[in-house]
């Protein structure tokens, strides 16, 4: 493949999650045979709707491509993106762990998509009242659009934040549980132990530049004041 500026692009791997199949072989066979992916809607009750048909993705098991926790915390379209990406990587015989992160990028061409949990919450608010609506674990609708690239290309190394104490420099900077710290005081953070060693080498009261990746997949940087450790 090439474009008007003469740059060539090689497609080395393909992955599919579609109404006509959830893998390369099935999709190709369906295309050759002229199979249709349109059928009766099965994902919700269509009694009150005039339209009864749609091109749905069927027989898709997200846990074939991700753990149960991830599958529960991301929207269905994000599950599709993860599954297709993993298929494409396997088809291309690429191992992300062997690639230089600076040489890899992710582009997701998706329109606005939301988790079904948002619609379900709206329906509950109409039926039972807003006071009876609560978000499911990990459901952050305003961030879901930007979560997909981050899920496909997760941070290769760093220290995962499992909790932040209130009124600390980290909390003031906006670091939250689920974020991943990647650099501290000018040093790369490859693991939690590495972060501990970096912080141990700094005096309390020192202002340390820290970079982290948020749960939304956004890189952030701030200068954090190190507080004295709690008394033993």
C-alpha atoms as a PDB file:
ATOM      1  CA  UNK A   1       0.000   0.000   0.000  1.00  0.00           C
ATOM      2  CA  UNK A   2       1.141   3.553  -0.631  1.00  0.00           C
ATOM      3  CA  UNK A   3      -0.304   7.044  -0.525  1.00  0.00           C
ATOM      4  CA  UNK A   4       0.170  10.252  -2.495  1.00  0.00           C
ATOM      5  CA  UNK A   5       3.455  11.155  -0.778  1.00  0.00           C
ATOM      6  CA  UNK A   6       5.024   7.863  -1.830  1.00  0.00           C
ATOM      7  CA  UNK A   7       5.347   6.374   1.662  1.00  0.00           C
ATOM      8  CA  UNK A   8       4.670   2.641   1.685  1.00  0.00           C
ATOM      9  CA  UNK A   9       2.743   0.829   4.397  1.00  0.00           C
ATOM     10  CA  UNK A  10       2.797  -2.921   4.923  1.00  0.00           C
ATOM     11  CA  UNK A  11      -0.157  -4.692   6.500  1.00  0.00           C
ATOM     12  CA  UNK A  12       1.375  -7.664   8.316  1.00  0.00           C
ATOM     13  CA  UNK A  13      -1.499  -8.840  10.497  1.00  0.00           C
ATOM     14  CA  UNK A  14      -5.290  -8.834  10.466  1.00  0.00           C
ATOM     15  CA  UNK A  15      -7.909  -9.296  13.173  1.00  0.00           C
ATOM     16  CA  UNK A  16     -11.698  -9.255  12.999  1.00  0.00           C
ATOM     17  CA  UNK A  17     -14.704  -9.070  15.286  1.00  0.00           C
ATOM     18  CA  UNK A  18     -17.665  -8.589  12.948  1.00  0.00           C
ATOM     19  CA  UNK A  19     -21.254  -9.666  12.276  1.00  0.00           C
ATOM     20  CA  UNK A  20     -19.950 -12.157   9.684  1.00  0.00           C
ATOM     21  CA  UNK A  21     -17.288 -13.737  11.851  1.00  0.00           C
ATOM     22  CA  UNK A  22     -14.909 -13.216  14.743  1.00  0.00           C
ATOM     23  CA  UNK A  23     -11.675 -14.359  13.135  1.00  0.00           C
ATOM     24  CA  UNK A  24      -9.858 -14.007   9.831  1.00  0.00           C
ATOM     25  CA  UNK A  25     -10.792 -17.410   8.398  1.00  0.00           C
ATOM     26  CA  UNK A  26     -14.508 -17.107   9.175  1.00  0.00           C
ATOM     27  CA  UNK A  27     -14.742 -13.549   7.850  1.00  0.00           C
ATOM     28  CA  UNK A  28     -12.972 -14.445   4.606  1.00  0.00           C
ATOM     29  CA  UNK A  29     -15.196 -17.491   4.109  1.00  0.00           C
ATOM     30  CA  UNK A  30     -18.316 -15.410   4.743  1.00  0.00           C
ATOM     31  CA  UNK A  31     -17.190 -12.773   2.240  1.00  0.00           C
ATOM     32  CA  UNK A  32     -16.472 -15.351  -0.447  1.00  0.00           C
ATOM     33  CA  UNK A  33     -19.832 -17.054   0.122  1.00  0.00           C
ATOM     34  CA  UNK A  34     -21.716 -13.753   0.255  1.00  0.00           C
ATOM     35  CA  UNK A  35     -23.044 -14.492   3.732  1.00  0.00           C
ATOM     36  CA  UNK A  36     -25.043 -11.775   5.488  1.00  0.00           C
ATOM     37  CA  UNK A  37     -24.489 -10.771   9.088  1.00  0.00           C
ATOM     38  CA  UNK A  38     -27.970  -9.310   9.437  1.00  0.00           C
ATOM     39  CA  UNK A  39     -30.457 -11.130  11.628  1.00  0.00           C
ATOM     40  CA  UNK A  40     -33.062 -10.719  14.336  1.00  0.00           C
ATOM     41  CA  UNK A  41     -31.897  -8.514  17.217  1.00  0.00           C
ATOM     42  CA  UNK A  42     -30.980 -10.628  20.228  1.00  0.00           C
ATOM     43  CA  UNK A  43     -29.235  -8.190  22.580  1.00  0.00           C
ATOM     44  CA  UNK A  44     -32.407  -6.499  23.806  1.00  0.00           C
ATOM     45  CA  UNK A  45     -36.189  -6.762  23.655  1.00  0.00           C
ATOM     46  CA  UNK A  46     -37.488  -5.237  20.417  1.00  0.00           C
ATOM     47  CA  UNK A  47     -41.182  -5.439  21.301  1.00  0.00           C
ATOM     48  CA  UNK A  48     -41.532  -1.649  21.385  1.00  0.00           C
ATOM     49  CA  UNK A  49     -39.505  -1.055  18.219  1.00  0.00           C
ATOM     50  CA  UNK A  50     -40.567  -1.295  14.587  1.00  0.00           C
ATOM     51  CA  UNK A  51     -37.100  -2.453  13.527  1.00  0.00           C
ATOM     52  CA  UNK A  52     -36.363  -6.047  14.493  1.00  0.00           C
ATOM     53  CA  UNK A  53     -33.134  -6.707  12.623  1.00  0.00           C
ATOM     54  CA  UNK A  54     -29.511  -5.589  12.885  1.00  0.00           C
ATOM     55  CA  UNK A  55     -25.971  -6.728  12.094  1.00  0.00           C
ATOM     56  CA  UNK A  56     -24.910  -7.906  15.551  1.00  0.00           C
ATOM     57  CA  UNK A  57     -21.649  -9.475  16.646  1.00  0.00           C
ATOM     58  CA  UNK A  58     -22.565 -12.971  17.812  1.00  0.00           C
ATOM     59  CA  UNK A  59     -20.830 -15.783  19.690  1.00  0.00           C
ATOM     60  CA  UNK A  60     -18.178 -13.412  21.027  1.00  0.00           C
ATOM     61  CA  UNK A  61     -16.487 -14.413  24.292  1.00  0.00           C
ATOM     62  CA  UNK A  62     -14.299 -11.535  25.563  1.00  0.00           C
ATOM     63  CA  UNK A  63     -12.556 -13.792  28.069  1.00  0.00           C
ATOM     64  CA  UNK A  64     -10.793 -15.529  25.190  1.00  0.00           C
ATOM     65  CA  UNK A  65      -8.781 -12.314  24.806  1.00  0.00           C
ATOM     66  CA  UNK A  66      -8.676 -10.686  28.260  1.00  0.00           C
ATOM     67  CA  UNK A  67      -9.181 -11.536  31.904  1.00  0.00           C
ATOM     68  CA  UNK A  68     -12.622 -11.429  33.495  1.00  0.00           C
ATOM     69  CA  UNK A  69     -11.918  -8.180  35.378  1.00  0.00           C
ATOM     70  CA  UNK A  70     -10.887  -6.301  32.232  1.00  0.00           C
ATOM     71  CA  UNK A  71     -13.878  -7.647  30.321  1.00  0.00           C
ATOM     72  CA  UNK A  72     -16.211  -6.406  33.058  1.00  0.00           C
ATOM     73  CA  UNK A  73     -14.652  -2.948  33.287  1.00  0.00           C
ATOM     74  CA  UNK A  74     -14.541  -1.960  29.611  1.00  0.00           C
ATOM     75  CA  UNK A  75     -17.295  -1.330  27.084  1.00  0.00           C
ATOM     76  CA  UNK A  76     -18.240  -3.882  24.449  1.00  0.00           C
ATOM     77  CA  UNK A  77     -16.671  -1.890  21.634  1.00  0.00           C
ATOM     78  CA  UNK A  78     -13.436  -1.786  23.628  1.00  0.00           C
ATOM     79  CA  UNK A  79     -13.617  -5.577  24.003  1.00  0.00           C
ATOM     80  CA  UNK A  80     -13.920  -5.848  20.220  1.00  0.00           C
ATOM     81  CA  UNK A  81     -10.884  -3.598  19.721  1.00  0.00           C
ATOM     82  CA  UNK A  82      -8.766  -5.607  22.159  1.00  0.00           C
ATOM     83  CA  UNK A  83      -9.762  -8.905  20.576  1.00  0.00           C
ATOM     84  CA  UNK A  84      -9.111  -7.757  16.991  1.00  0.00           C
ATOM     85  CA  UNK A  85      -5.773  -6.223  18.010  1.00  0.00           C
ATOM     86  CA  UNK A  86      -4.598  -9.420  19.668  1.00  0.00           C
ATOM     87  CA  UNK A  87      -5.615 -11.414  16.610  1.00  0.00           C
ATOM     88  CA  UNK A  88      -3.671  -9.030  14.350  1.00  0.00           C
ATOM     89  CA  UNK A  89      -0.558  -9.249  16.554  1.00  0.00           C
ATOM     90  CA  UNK A  90      -0.678 -13.048  16.508  1.00  0.00           C
ATOM     91  CA  UNK A  91      -1.262 -13.078  12.740  1.00  0.00           C
ATOM     92  CA  UNK A  92       1.787 -10.846  12.282  1.00  0.00           C
ATOM     93  CA  UNK A  93       3.875 -12.913  14.743  1.00  0.00           C
ATOM     94  CA  UNK A  94       4.563  -9.790  16.780  1.00  0.00           C
ATOM     95  CA  UNK A  95       5.230  -9.872  20.508  1.00  0.00           C
ATOM     96  CA  UNK A  96       4.667  -6.412  22.082  1.00  0.00           C
ATOM     97  CA  UNK A  97       7.126  -7.288  24.850  1.00  0.00           C
ATOM     98  CA  UNK A  98       9.902  -7.511  22.230  1.00  0.00           C
ATOM     99  CA  UNK A  99       9.123  -4.148  20.615  1.00  0.00           C
ATOM    100  CA  UNK A 100      10.567  -0.737  21.470  1.00  0.00           C
ATOM    101  CA  UNK A 101       7.634   1.254  22.922  1.00  0.00           C
ATOM    102  CA  UNK A 102       8.948   4.383  21.167  1.00  0.00           C
ATOM    103  CA  UNK A 103       8.479   2.631  17.806  1.00  0.00           C
ATOM    104  CA  UNK A 104       4.890   1.535  18.410  1.00  0.00           C
ATOM    105  CA  UNK A 105       1.670   3.529  18.197  1.00  0.00           C
ATOM    106  CA  UNK A 106      -2.049   2.806  18.304  1.00  0.00           C
ATOM    107  CA  UNK A 107      -4.730   4.528  16.232  1.00  0.00           C
ATOM    108  CA  UNK A 108      -8.357   3.632  16.894  1.00  0.00           C
ATOM    109  CA  UNK A 109     -10.817   4.822  14.253  1.00  0.00           C
ATOM    110  CA  UNK A 110     -14.014   4.648  16.242  1.00  0.00           C
ATOM    111  CA  UNK A 111     -16.999   6.923  16.564  1.00  0.00           C
ATOM    112  CA  UNK A 112     -18.345   7.790  19.985  1.00  0.00           C
ATOM    113  CA  UNK A 113     -19.216   4.547  21.756  1.00  0.00           C
ATOM    114  CA  UNK A 114     -20.421   3.974  25.270  1.00  0.00           C
ATOM    115  CA  UNK A 115     -20.729   1.041  27.608  1.00  0.00           C
ATOM    116  CA  UNK A 116     -24.221  -0.530  27.779  1.00  0.00           C
ATOM    117  CA  UNK A 117     -23.981   0.263  31.499  1.00  0.00           C
ATOM    118  CA  UNK A 118     -24.713   3.912  30.673  1.00  0.00           C
ATOM    119  CA  UNK A 119     -27.972   3.044  28.915  1.00  0.00           C
ATOM    120  CA  UNK A 120     -28.891   0.575  31.654  1.00  0.00           C
ATOM    121  CA  UNK A 121     -28.326   3.240  34.310  1.00  0.00           C
ATOM    122  CA  UNK A 122     -30.555   5.661  32.392  1.00  0.00           C
ATOM    123  CA  UNK A 123     -33.306   3.058  32.146  1.00  0.00           C
ATOM    124  CA  UNK A 124     -33.078   2.326  35.882  1.00  0.00           C
ATOM    125  CA  UNK A 125     -33.293   6.035  36.668  1.00  0.00           C
ATOM    126  CA  UNK A 126     -36.569   6.249  34.718  1.00  0.00           C
ATOM    127  CA  UNK A 127     -38.068   3.133  36.272  1.00  0.00           C
ATOM    128  CA  UNK A 128     -36.745   3.292  39.845  1.00  0.00           C
ATOM    129  CA  UNK A 129     -35.610   6.886  40.249  1.00  0.00           C
ATOM    130  CA  UNK A 130     -32.152   8.471  40.170  1.00  0.00           C
ATOM    131  CA  UNK A 131     -31.477   7.604  43.831  1.00  0.00           C
ATOM    132  CA  UNK A 132     -31.452   3.916  42.908  1.00  0.00           C
ATOM    133  CA  UNK A 133     -28.805   4.241  40.212  1.00  0.00           C
ATOM    134  CA  UNK A 134     -25.146   3.442  40.840  1.00  0.00           C
ATOM    135  CA  UNK A 135     -22.249   2.971  38.462  1.00  0.00           C
ATOM    136  CA  UNK A 136     -20.876  -0.546  38.037  1.00  0.00           C
ATOM    137  CA  UNK A 137     -17.237  -1.138  39.106  1.00  0.00           C
ATOM    138  CA  UNK A 138     -14.807   0.730  36.856  1.00  0.00           C
ATOM    139  CA  UNK A 139     -17.492   2.462  34.815  1.00  0.00           C
ATOM    140  CA  UNK A 140     -16.249   5.949  33.935  1.00  0.00           C
ATOM    141  CA  UNK A 141     -18.316   6.889  30.860  1.00  0.00           C
ATOM    142  CA  UNK A 142     -16.574  10.220  30.216  1.00  0.00           C
ATOM    143  CA  UNK A 143     -13.222   8.456  29.806  1.00  0.00           C
ATOM    144  CA  UNK A 144     -14.224   5.353  27.900  1.00  0.00           C
ATOM    145  CA  UNK A 145     -13.517   6.745  24.415  1.00  0.00           C
ATOM    146  CA  UNK A 146      -9.868   7.382  25.257  1.00  0.00           C
ATOM    147  CA  UNK A 147      -9.478   4.110  27.156  1.00  0.00           C
ATOM    148  CA  UNK A 148      -9.400   1.874  24.086  1.00  0.00           C
ATOM    149  CA  UNK A 149      -5.922   2.840  22.769  1.00  0.00           C
ATOM    150  CA  UNK A 150      -4.562   2.631  26.311  1.00  0.00           C
ATOM    151  CA  UNK A 151      -5.999  -0.867  26.712  1.00  0.00           C
ATOM    152  CA  UNK A 152      -4.504  -2.019  23.413  1.00  0.00           C
ATOM    153  CA  UNK A 153      -1.084  -0.504  24.142  1.00  0.00           C
ATOM    154  CA  UNK A 154      -0.712  -0.649  27.924  1.00  0.00           C
ATOM    155  CA  UNK A 155       2.233   0.918  29.723  1.00  0.00           C
ATOM    156  CA  UNK A 156       5.083  -1.619  29.344  1.00  0.00           C
ATOM    157  CA  UNK A 157       6.686  -0.853  32.722  1.00  0.00           C
ATOM    158  CA  UNK A 158       6.182   1.255  35.800  1.00  0.00           C
ATOM    159  CA  UNK A 159       4.707   1.219  39.270  1.00  0.00           C
ATOM    160  CA  UNK A 160       0.966   0.694  39.546  1.00  0.00           C
ATOM    161  CA  UNK A 161      -0.693   2.981  42.091  1.00  0.00           C
ATOM    162  CA  UNK A 162      -2.997   0.938  44.326  1.00  0.00           C
ATOM    163  CA  UNK A 163      -3.986   3.801  46.609  1.00  0.00           C
ATOM    164  CA  UNK A 164      -3.236   7.432  47.506  1.00  0.00           C
ATOM    165  CA  UNK A 165      -3.421   9.067  50.925  1.00  0.00           C
ATOM    166  CA  UNK A 166      -5.440  12.272  51.135  1.00  0.00           C
ATOM    167  CA  UNK A 167      -3.585  15.561  51.713  1.00  0.00           C
ATOM    168  CA  UNK A 168      -0.334  14.195  50.266  1.00  0.00           C
ATOM    169  CA  UNK A 169       1.671  15.595  47.374  1.00  0.00           C
ATOM    170  CA  UNK A 170       0.559  12.701  45.155  1.00  0.00           C
ATOM    171  CA  UNK A 171      -3.114  13.348  45.881  1.00  0.00           C
ATOM    172  CA  UNK A 172      -2.684  17.076  45.262  1.00  0.00           C
ATOM    173  CA  UNK A 173      -1.020  16.357  41.905  1.00  0.00           C
ATOM    174  CA  UNK A 174      -3.979  14.225  40.852  1.00  0.00           C
ATOM    175  CA  UNK A 175      -2.388  10.782  41.015  1.00  0.00           C
ATOM    176  CA  UNK A 176      -5.062   8.172  41.681  1.00  0.00           C
ATOM    177  CA  UNK A 177      -5.453   4.441  42.135  1.00  0.00           C
ATOM    178  CA  UNK A 178      -4.978   2.661  38.827  1.00  0.00           C
ATOM    179  CA  UNK A 179      -2.455   5.162  37.457  1.00  0.00           C
ATOM    180  CA  UNK A 180       1.038   3.950  36.523  1.00  0.00           C
ATOM    181  CA  UNK A 181       4.114   5.982  37.520  1.00  0.00           C
ATOM    182  CA  UNK A 182       6.737   5.809  34.761  1.00  0.00           C
ATOM    183  CA  UNK A 183       9.437   8.300  35.854  1.00  0.00           C
ATOM    184  CA  UNK A 184      10.429   9.951  39.140  1.00  0.00           C
ATOM    185  CA  UNK A 185      13.189  12.475  39.818  1.00  0.00           C
ATOM    186  CA  UNK A 186      14.470  12.040  36.264  1.00  0.00           C
ATOM    187  CA  UNK A 187      14.777   8.246  36.509  1.00  0.00           C
ATOM    188  CA  UNK A 188      12.802   5.601  34.633  1.00  0.00           C
ATOM    189  CA  UNK A 189      10.540   3.565  36.913  1.00  0.00           C
ATOM    190  CA  UNK A 190      10.614  -0.045  35.781  1.00  0.00           C
ATOM    191  CA  UNK A 191       8.898  -1.544  38.818  1.00  0.00           C
ATOM    192  CA  UNK A 192       7.445  -0.678  42.256  1.00  0.00           C
ATOM    193  CA  UNK A 193      10.791  -1.604  43.821  1.00  0.00           C
ATOM    194  CA  UNK A 194      12.559   0.881  41.548  1.00  0.00           C
ATOM    195  CA  UNK A 195      10.173   3.651  42.614  1.00  0.00           C
ATOM    196  CA  UNK A 196      10.752   2.816  46.273  1.00  0.00           C
ATOM    197  CA  UNK A 197      14.505   3.061  45.763  1.00  0.00           C
ATOM    198  CA  UNK A 198      14.206   6.437  43.994  1.00  0.00           C
ATOM    199  CA  UNK A 199      12.007   7.914  46.721  1.00  0.00           C
ATOM    200  CA  UNK A 200      14.272   6.486  49.459  1.00  0.00           C
ATOM    201  CA  UNK A 201      17.145   8.433  47.965  1.00  0.00           C
ATOM    202  CA  UNK A 202      15.314  11.755  48.356  1.00  0.00           C
ATOM    203  CA  UNK A 203      14.968  13.775  51.545  1.00  0.00           C
ATOM    204  CA  UNK A 204      11.493  14.621  52.920  1.00  0.00           C
ATOM    205  CA  UNK A 205      10.536  18.070  51.694  1.00  0.00           C
ATOM    206  CA  UNK A 206      12.180  17.521  48.317  1.00  0.00           C
ATOM    207  CA  UNK A 207      10.136  18.460  45.263  1.00  0.00           C
ATOM    208  CA  UNK A 208      10.375  15.616  42.743  1.00  0.00           C
ATOM    209  CA  UNK A 209       9.177  15.680  39.105  1.00  0.00           C
ATOM    210  CA  UNK A 210       6.963  12.659  38.439  1.00  0.00           C
ATOM    211  CA  UNK A 211       5.408  11.384  35.222  1.00  0.00           C
ATOM    212  CA  UNK A 212       2.561   8.903  35.158  1.00  0.00           C
ATOM    213  CA  UNK A 213      -0.067   7.456  32.845  1.00  0.00           C
ATOM    214  CA  UNK A 214      -3.636   7.875  34.051  1.00  0.00           C
ATOM    215  CA  UNK A 215      -6.366   5.255  33.809  1.00  0.00           C
ATOM    216  CA  UNK A 216      -7.645   7.233  30.819  1.00  0.00           C
ATOM    217  CA  UNK A 217      -4.381   6.525  28.994  1.00  0.00           C
ATOM    218  CA  UNK A 218      -3.135  10.119  29.258  1.00  0.00           C
ATOM    219  CA  UNK A 219       0.473  10.949  30.185  1.00  0.00           C
ATOM    220  CA  UNK A 220       0.779  13.529  32.953  1.00  0.00           C
ATOM    221  CA  UNK A 221       3.652  15.254  34.713  1.00  0.00           C
ATOM    222  CA  UNK A 222       3.780  17.192  37.964  1.00  0.00           C
ATOM    223  CA  UNK A 223       6.216  18.257  40.675  1.00  0.00           C
ATOM    224  CA  UNK A 224       5.404  16.487  43.930  1.00  0.00           C
ATOM    225  CA  UNK A 225       6.468  17.457  47.445  1.00  0.00           C
ATOM    226  CA  UNK A 226       7.674  14.419  49.371  1.00  0.00           C
ATOM    227  CA  UNK A 227       6.191  14.225  52.845  1.00  0.00           C
ATOM    228  CA  UNK A 228       7.937  12.569  55.817  1.00  0.00           C
ATOM    229  CA  UNK A 229       7.105   8.904  56.227  1.00  0.00           C
ATOM    230  CA  UNK A 230       4.537   8.025  58.918  1.00  0.00           C
ATOM    231  CA  UNK A 231       6.011   7.252  62.326  1.00  0.00           C
ATOM    232  CA  UNK A 232       6.605   3.548  62.875  1.00  0.00           C
END
